[in-house]
Amino acid sequence: MSEHPSSWTFLTNHAHVLLCIRRDAEIRLRDVATVVGITERAAQKIVADLAEAGYVQVERVGRRNRYTIESRRPLRHALERNHNIGDLLDLLESTTPSRKGATR
């Protein structure tokens, strides 16, 4: 086995963005991009995808956005449809940091 990690991961960038939003509902997309390792434009596109599909609600608060995750929405792949996005995020959070936003 190589000591160097390979370039692939088990989760998509969409899941990584959701985790960032779950941890801080008022996170800037610039910060999401940095944490996930993508461009700010890619982070914007992912949030737009998630909002269009009903997984994230975006609310403008002053000069910033506040994100709310629709936790009860089912996962999209047929193999996982019996679970919702909240189940996945609960599983992936290793600690329970205080969150500034709520999930429904």
N, C-alpha and C. Protein backbone atom coordinates (compact mmCIF):
# COMPACT_ATOMS: atom_id res chain seq x y z
N MET A 1 0.82 -1.19 0.00
CA MET A 1 0.00 0.00 0.00
C MET A 1 0.87 1.25 0.00
N SER A 2 0.41 2.24 -0.71
CA SER A 2 1.12 3.50 -0.77
C SER A 2 0.85 4.34 0.48
N GLU A 3 1.87 5.10 0.89
CA GLU A 3 1.69 5.99 2.03
C GLU A 3 0.97 7.27 1.62
N HIS A 4 0.89 7.54 0.34
CA HIS A 4 0.25 8.75 -0.15
C HIS A 4 -1.22 8.46 -0.43
N PRO A 5 -2.11 9.31 0.07
CA PRO A 5 -3.53 9.09 -0.21
C PRO A 5 -3.82 9.30 -1.69
N SER A 6 -4.77 8.55 -2.21
CA SER A 6 -5.13 8.72 -3.61
C SER A 6 -6.00 9.95 -3.76
N SER A 7 -6.29 10.33 -4.98
CA SER A 7 -6.99 11.57 -5.24
C SER A 7 -8.51 11.45 -5.11
N TRP A 8 -9.03 10.25 -4.99
CA TRP A 8 -10.49 10.13 -4.90
C TRP A 8 -10.94 10.03 -3.45
N THR A 9 -12.23 10.36 -3.24
CA THR A 9 -12.83 10.26 -1.91
C THR A 9 -14.15 9.52 -2.03
N PHE A 10 -14.69 9.13 -0.90
CA PHE A 10 -15.96 8.42 -0.90
C PHE A 10 -17.16 9.35 -1.05
N LEU A 11 -17.00 10.59 -0.71
CA LEU A 11 -18.11 11.54 -0.78
C LEU A 11 -17.90 12.54 -1.90
N THR A 12 -18.99 13.03 -2.43
CA THR A 12 -18.92 14.04 -3.48
C THR A 12 -18.71 15.42 -2.88
N ASN A 13 -18.37 16.36 -3.72
CA ASN A 13 -18.25 17.74 -3.27
C ASN A 13 -19.59 18.28 -2.77
N HIS A 14 -20.69 17.77 -3.33
CA HIS A 14 -22.01 18.18 -2.84
C HIS A 14 -22.17 17.81 -1.37
N ALA A 15 -21.75 16.62 -1.00
CA ALA A 15 -21.83 16.20 0.41
C ALA A 15 -20.90 17.04 1.27
N HIS A 16 -19.73 17.34 0.77
CA HIS A 16 -18.79 18.17 1.53
C HIS A 16 -19.36 19.57 1.76
N VAL A 17 -19.99 20.14 0.75
CA VAL A 17 -20.60 21.46 0.89
C VAL A 17 -21.72 21.41 1.92
N LEU A 18 -22.55 20.37 1.87
CA LEU A 18 -23.62 20.23 2.86
C LEU A 18 -23.07 20.14 4.28
N LEU A 19 -21.97 19.43 4.45
CA LEU A 19 -21.36 19.34 5.78
C LEU A 19 -20.90 20.71 6.26
N CYS A 20 -20.32 21.49 5.38
CA CYS A 20 -19.89 22.84 5.75
C CYS A 20 -21.07 23.69 6.17
N ILE A 21 -22.14 23.62 5.40
CA ILE A 21 -23.34 24.40 5.71
C ILE A 21 -23.96 23.91 7.02
N ARG A 22 -23.96 22.62 7.23
CA ARG A 22 -24.51 22.07 8.48
C ARG A 22 -23.75 22.61 9.68
N ARG A 23 -22.45 22.75 9.54
CA ARG A 23 -21.62 23.22 10.66
C ARG A 23 -21.72 24.72 10.89
N ASP A 24 -22.05 25.47 9.83
CA ASP A 24 -22.17 26.92 9.97
C ASP A 24 -23.15 27.42 8.92
N ALA A 25 -24.37 27.69 9.33
CA ALA A 25 -25.44 28.08 8.40
C ALA A 25 -25.19 29.44 7.74
N GLU A 26 -24.23 30.20 8.24
CA GLU A 26 -23.93 31.50 7.65
C GLU A 26 -22.54 31.54 7.03
N ILE A 27 -21.99 30.39 6.72
CA ILE A 27 -20.65 30.31 6.14
C ILE A 27 -20.61 31.01 4.79
N ARG A 28 -19.53 31.68 4.51
CA ARG A 28 -19.34 32.31 3.20
C ARG A 28 -18.91 31.24 2.21
N LEU A 29 -19.37 31.38 0.97
CA LEU A 29 -19.01 30.39 -0.06
C LEU A 29 -17.51 30.37 -0.31
N ARG A 30 -16.85 31.49 -0.10
CA ARG A 30 -15.39 31.54 -0.20
C ARG A 30 -14.77 30.56 0.80
N ASP A 31 -15.33 30.52 2.02
CA ASP A 31 -14.82 29.62 3.05
C ASP A 31 -15.18 28.18 2.76
N VAL A 32 -16.38 27.95 2.23
CA VAL A 32 -16.77 26.60 1.82
C VAL A 32 -15.77 26.09 0.78
N ALA A 33 -15.48 26.91 -0.20
CA ALA A 33 -14.56 26.51 -1.27
C ALA A 33 -13.20 26.14 -0.70
N THR A 34 -12.70 26.92 0.23
CA THR A 34 -11.40 26.64 0.84
C THR A 34 -11.41 25.31 1.58
N VAL A 35 -12.44 25.09 2.39
CA VAL A 35 -12.52 23.85 3.19
C VAL A 35 -12.66 22.63 2.29
N VAL A 36 -13.50 22.73 1.26
CA VAL A 36 -13.76 21.59 0.37
C VAL A 36 -12.61 21.38 -0.61
N GLY A 37 -11.89 22.44 -0.95
CA GLY A 37 -10.80 22.32 -1.91
C GLY A 37 -11.26 22.50 -3.34
N ILE A 38 -12.24 23.39 -3.52
CA ILE A 38 -12.79 23.68 -4.85
C ILE A 38 -12.76 25.19 -5.04
N THR A 39 -13.12 25.62 -6.23
CA THR A 39 -13.17 27.06 -6.49
C THR A 39 -14.47 27.64 -5.90
N GLU A 40 -14.47 28.94 -5.70
CA GLU A 40 -15.68 29.60 -5.19
C GLU A 40 -16.82 29.45 -6.19
N ARG A 41 -16.49 29.50 -7.47
CA ARG A 41 -17.50 29.31 -8.51
C ARG A 41 -18.12 27.92 -8.43
N ALA A 42 -17.30 26.90 -8.18
CA ALA A 42 -17.81 25.54 -8.03
C ALA A 42 -18.72 25.44 -6.80
N ALA A 43 -18.34 26.09 -5.72
CA ALA A 43 -19.17 26.10 -4.50
C ALA A 43 -20.52 26.76 -4.79
N GLN A 44 -20.50 27.86 -5.54
CA GLN A 44 -21.75 28.54 -5.91
C GLN A 44 -22.64 27.62 -6.73
N LYS A 45 -22.05 26.91 -7.68
CA LYS A 45 -22.81 25.98 -8.53
C LYS A 45 -23.42 24.86 -7.70
N ILE A 46 -22.65 24.32 -6.77
CA ILE A 46 -23.14 23.23 -5.93
C ILE A 46 -24.30 23.70 -5.06
N VAL A 47 -24.16 24.88 -4.45
CA VAL A 47 -25.26 25.42 -3.63
C VAL A 47 -26.49 25.65 -4.51
N ALA A 48 -26.31 26.14 -5.72
CA ALA A 48 -27.43 26.33 -6.64
C ALA A 48 -28.10 25.00 -6.96
N ASP A 49 -27.30 23.95 -7.20
CA ASP A 49 -27.84 22.60 -7.44
C ASP A 49 -28.67 22.14 -6.25
N LEU A 50 -28.10 22.29 -5.05
CA LEU A 50 -28.77 21.84 -3.83
C LEU A 50 -30.05 22.62 -3.57
N ALA A 51 -30.03 23.91 -3.84
CA ALA A 51 -31.22 24.75 -3.66
C ALA A 51 -32.29 24.38 -4.68
N GLU A 52 -31.89 24.20 -5.92
CA GLU A 52 -32.84 23.85 -6.98
C GLU A 52 -33.53 22.52 -6.70
N ALA A 53 -32.79 21.58 -6.11
CA ALA A 53 -33.33 20.25 -5.81
C ALA A 53 -34.08 20.22 -4.48
N GLY A 54 -34.09 21.34 -3.75
CA GLY A 54 -34.84 21.42 -2.52
C GLY A 54 -34.12 20.92 -1.27
N TYR A 55 -32.82 20.72 -1.37
CA TYR A 55 -32.05 20.25 -0.22
C TYR A 55 -31.58 21.39 0.68
N VAL A 56 -31.48 22.59 0.12
CA VAL A 56 -31.02 23.75 0.87
C VAL A 56 -31.92 24.93 0.54
N GLN A 57 -32.29 25.67 1.57
CA GLN A 57 -32.99 26.94 1.40
C GLN A 57 -31.97 28.04 1.63
N VAL A 58 -31.99 29.05 0.79
CA VAL A 58 -31.05 30.17 0.90
C VAL A 58 -31.85 31.42 1.24
N GLU A 59 -31.47 32.06 2.34
CA GLU A 59 -32.13 33.28 2.77
C GLU A 59 -31.10 34.40 2.85
N ARG A 60 -31.41 35.50 2.23
CA ARG A 60 -30.52 36.67 2.26
C ARG A 60 -30.75 37.42 3.57
N VAL A 61 -29.68 37.62 4.33
CA VAL A 61 -29.74 38.34 5.60
C VAL A 61 -28.68 39.44 5.53
N GLY A 62 -29.14 40.66 5.27
CA GLY A 62 -28.19 41.76 5.08
C GLY A 62 -27.33 41.50 3.86
N ARG A 63 -26.03 41.49 4.06
CA ARG A 63 -25.09 41.27 2.95
C ARG A 63 -24.67 39.81 2.84
N ARG A 64 -25.22 38.95 3.68
CA ARG A 64 -24.81 37.54 3.71
C ARG A 64 -25.99 36.64 3.43
N ASN A 65 -25.69 35.36 3.26
CA ASN A 65 -26.73 34.35 3.10
C ASN A 65 -26.77 33.48 4.34
N ARG A 66 -27.95 33.00 4.64
CA ARG A 66 -28.13 31.99 5.69
C ARG A 66 -28.75 30.77 4.99
N TYR A 67 -28.18 29.61 5.28
CA TYR A 67 -28.61 28.38 4.62
C TYR A 67 -29.33 27.49 5.62
N THR A 68 -30.40 26.88 5.16
CA THR A 68 -31.12 25.90 5.96
C THR A 68 -31.19 24.61 5.16
N ILE A 69 -30.76 23.53 5.78
CA ILE A 69 -30.78 22.22 5.11
C ILE A 69 -32.12 21.55 5.37
N GLU A 70 -32.72 21.06 4.33
CA GLU A 70 -33.97 20.31 4.43
C GLU A 70 -33.62 18.85 4.73
N SER A 71 -33.43 18.56 6.01
CA SER A 71 -32.89 17.28 6.47
C SER A 71 -33.73 16.06 6.09
N ARG A 72 -35.00 16.26 5.87
CA ARG A 72 -35.89 15.11 5.59
C ARG A 72 -35.92 14.69 4.13
N ARG A 73 -35.24 15.45 3.29
CA ARG A 73 -35.21 15.09 1.86
C ARG A 73 -34.44 13.78 1.69
N PRO A 74 -34.94 12.88 0.85
CA PRO A 74 -34.25 11.60 0.66
C PRO A 74 -32.96 11.75 -0.14
N LEU A 75 -32.04 10.84 0.09
CA LEU A 75 -30.84 10.78 -0.75
C LEU A 75 -31.28 10.43 -2.16
N ARG A 76 -30.49 10.80 -3.13
CA ARG A 76 -30.94 10.75 -4.52
C ARG A 76 -30.74 9.41 -5.23
N HIS A 77 -29.77 8.63 -4.84
CA HIS A 77 -29.50 7.37 -5.53
C HIS A 77 -30.46 6.29 -5.06
N ALA A 78 -30.87 5.41 -5.97
CA ALA A 78 -31.83 4.36 -5.64
C ALA A 78 -31.36 3.47 -4.48
N LEU A 79 -30.08 3.26 -4.36
CA LEU A 79 -29.56 2.42 -3.27
C LEU A 79 -29.72 3.06 -1.90
N GLU A 80 -29.88 4.38 -1.86
CA GLU A 80 -29.92 5.09 -0.58
C GLU A 80 -31.24 5.80 -0.31
N ARG A 81 -32.22 5.62 -1.15
CA ARG A 81 -33.47 6.38 -1.02
C ARG A 81 -34.21 6.15 0.29
N ASN A 82 -33.89 5.08 1.00
CA ASN A 82 -34.57 4.83 2.27
C ASN A 82 -33.93 5.64 3.41
N HIS A 83 -32.94 6.46 3.09
CA HIS A 83 -32.31 7.35 4.06
C HIS A 83 -32.50 8.79 3.59
N ASN A 84 -32.47 9.70 4.54
CA ASN A 84 -32.58 11.11 4.16
C ASN A 84 -31.24 11.81 4.38
N ILE A 85 -31.17 13.02 3.90
CA ILE A 85 -29.91 13.77 3.96
C ILE A 85 -29.49 14.02 5.40
N GLY A 86 -30.46 14.18 6.30
CA GLY A 86 -30.15 14.36 7.71
C GLY A 86 -29.45 13.14 8.30
N ASP A 87 -29.89 11.93 7.89
CA ASP A 87 -29.23 10.70 8.35
C ASP A 87 -27.76 10.70 7.97
N LEU A 88 -27.48 11.07 6.73
CA LEU A 88 -26.10 11.09 6.24
C LEU A 88 -25.27 12.11 7.01
N LEU A 89 -25.79 13.30 7.18
CA LEU A 89 -25.05 14.34 7.87
C LEU A 89 -24.83 13.99 9.34
N ASP A 90 -25.82 13.38 9.98
CA ASP A 90 -25.66 12.92 11.36
C ASP A 90 -24.53 11.91 11.46
N LEU A 91 -24.49 10.99 10.52
CA LEU A 91 -23.47 9.96 10.51
C LEU A 91 -22.07 10.56 10.33
N LEU A 92 -21.96 11.54 9.47
CA LEU A 92 -20.66 12.09 9.12
C LEU A 92 -20.10 13.07 10.14
N GLU A 93 -20.94 13.65 10.94
CA GLU A 93 -20.44 14.60 11.93
C GLU A 93 -19.79 13.83 13.08
N SER A 94 -18.50 13.99 13.21
CA SER A 94 -17.78 13.26 14.25
C SER A 94 -17.92 13.92 15.61
N THR A 95 -18.14 15.21 15.61
CA THR A 95 -18.37 15.94 16.85
C THR A 95 -19.61 16.77 16.65
N THR A 96 -20.11 17.32 17.69
CA THR A 96 -21.30 18.15 17.59
C THR A 96 -20.94 19.59 17.87
N PRO A 97 -20.36 20.27 16.88
CA PRO A 97 -20.04 21.68 17.08
C PRO A 97 -21.32 22.49 17.20
N SER A 98 -21.26 23.59 17.89
CA SER A 98 -22.44 24.43 17.98
C SER A 98 -22.73 24.95 16.58
N ARG A 99 -23.98 24.89 16.21
CA ARG A 99 -24.38 25.33 14.88
C ARG A 99 -25.14 26.63 14.98
N LYS A 100 -24.88 27.52 14.04
CA LYS A 100 -25.55 28.81 14.02
C LYS A 100 -26.92 28.72 13.37
N GLY A 101 -27.16 27.66 12.60
CA GLY A 101 -28.42 27.54 11.88
C GLY A 101 -29.15 26.28 12.26
N ALA A 102 -30.36 26.21 11.84
CA ALA A 102 -31.17 25.05 12.17
C ALA A 102 -31.36 24.19 10.93
N THR A 103 -31.58 22.91 11.17
CA THR A 103 -31.99 22.02 10.09
C THR A 103 -33.41 21.63 10.37
N ARG A 104 -34.16 21.47 9.34
CA ARG A 104 -35.58 21.14 9.48
C ARG A 104 -35.78 19.66 9.53
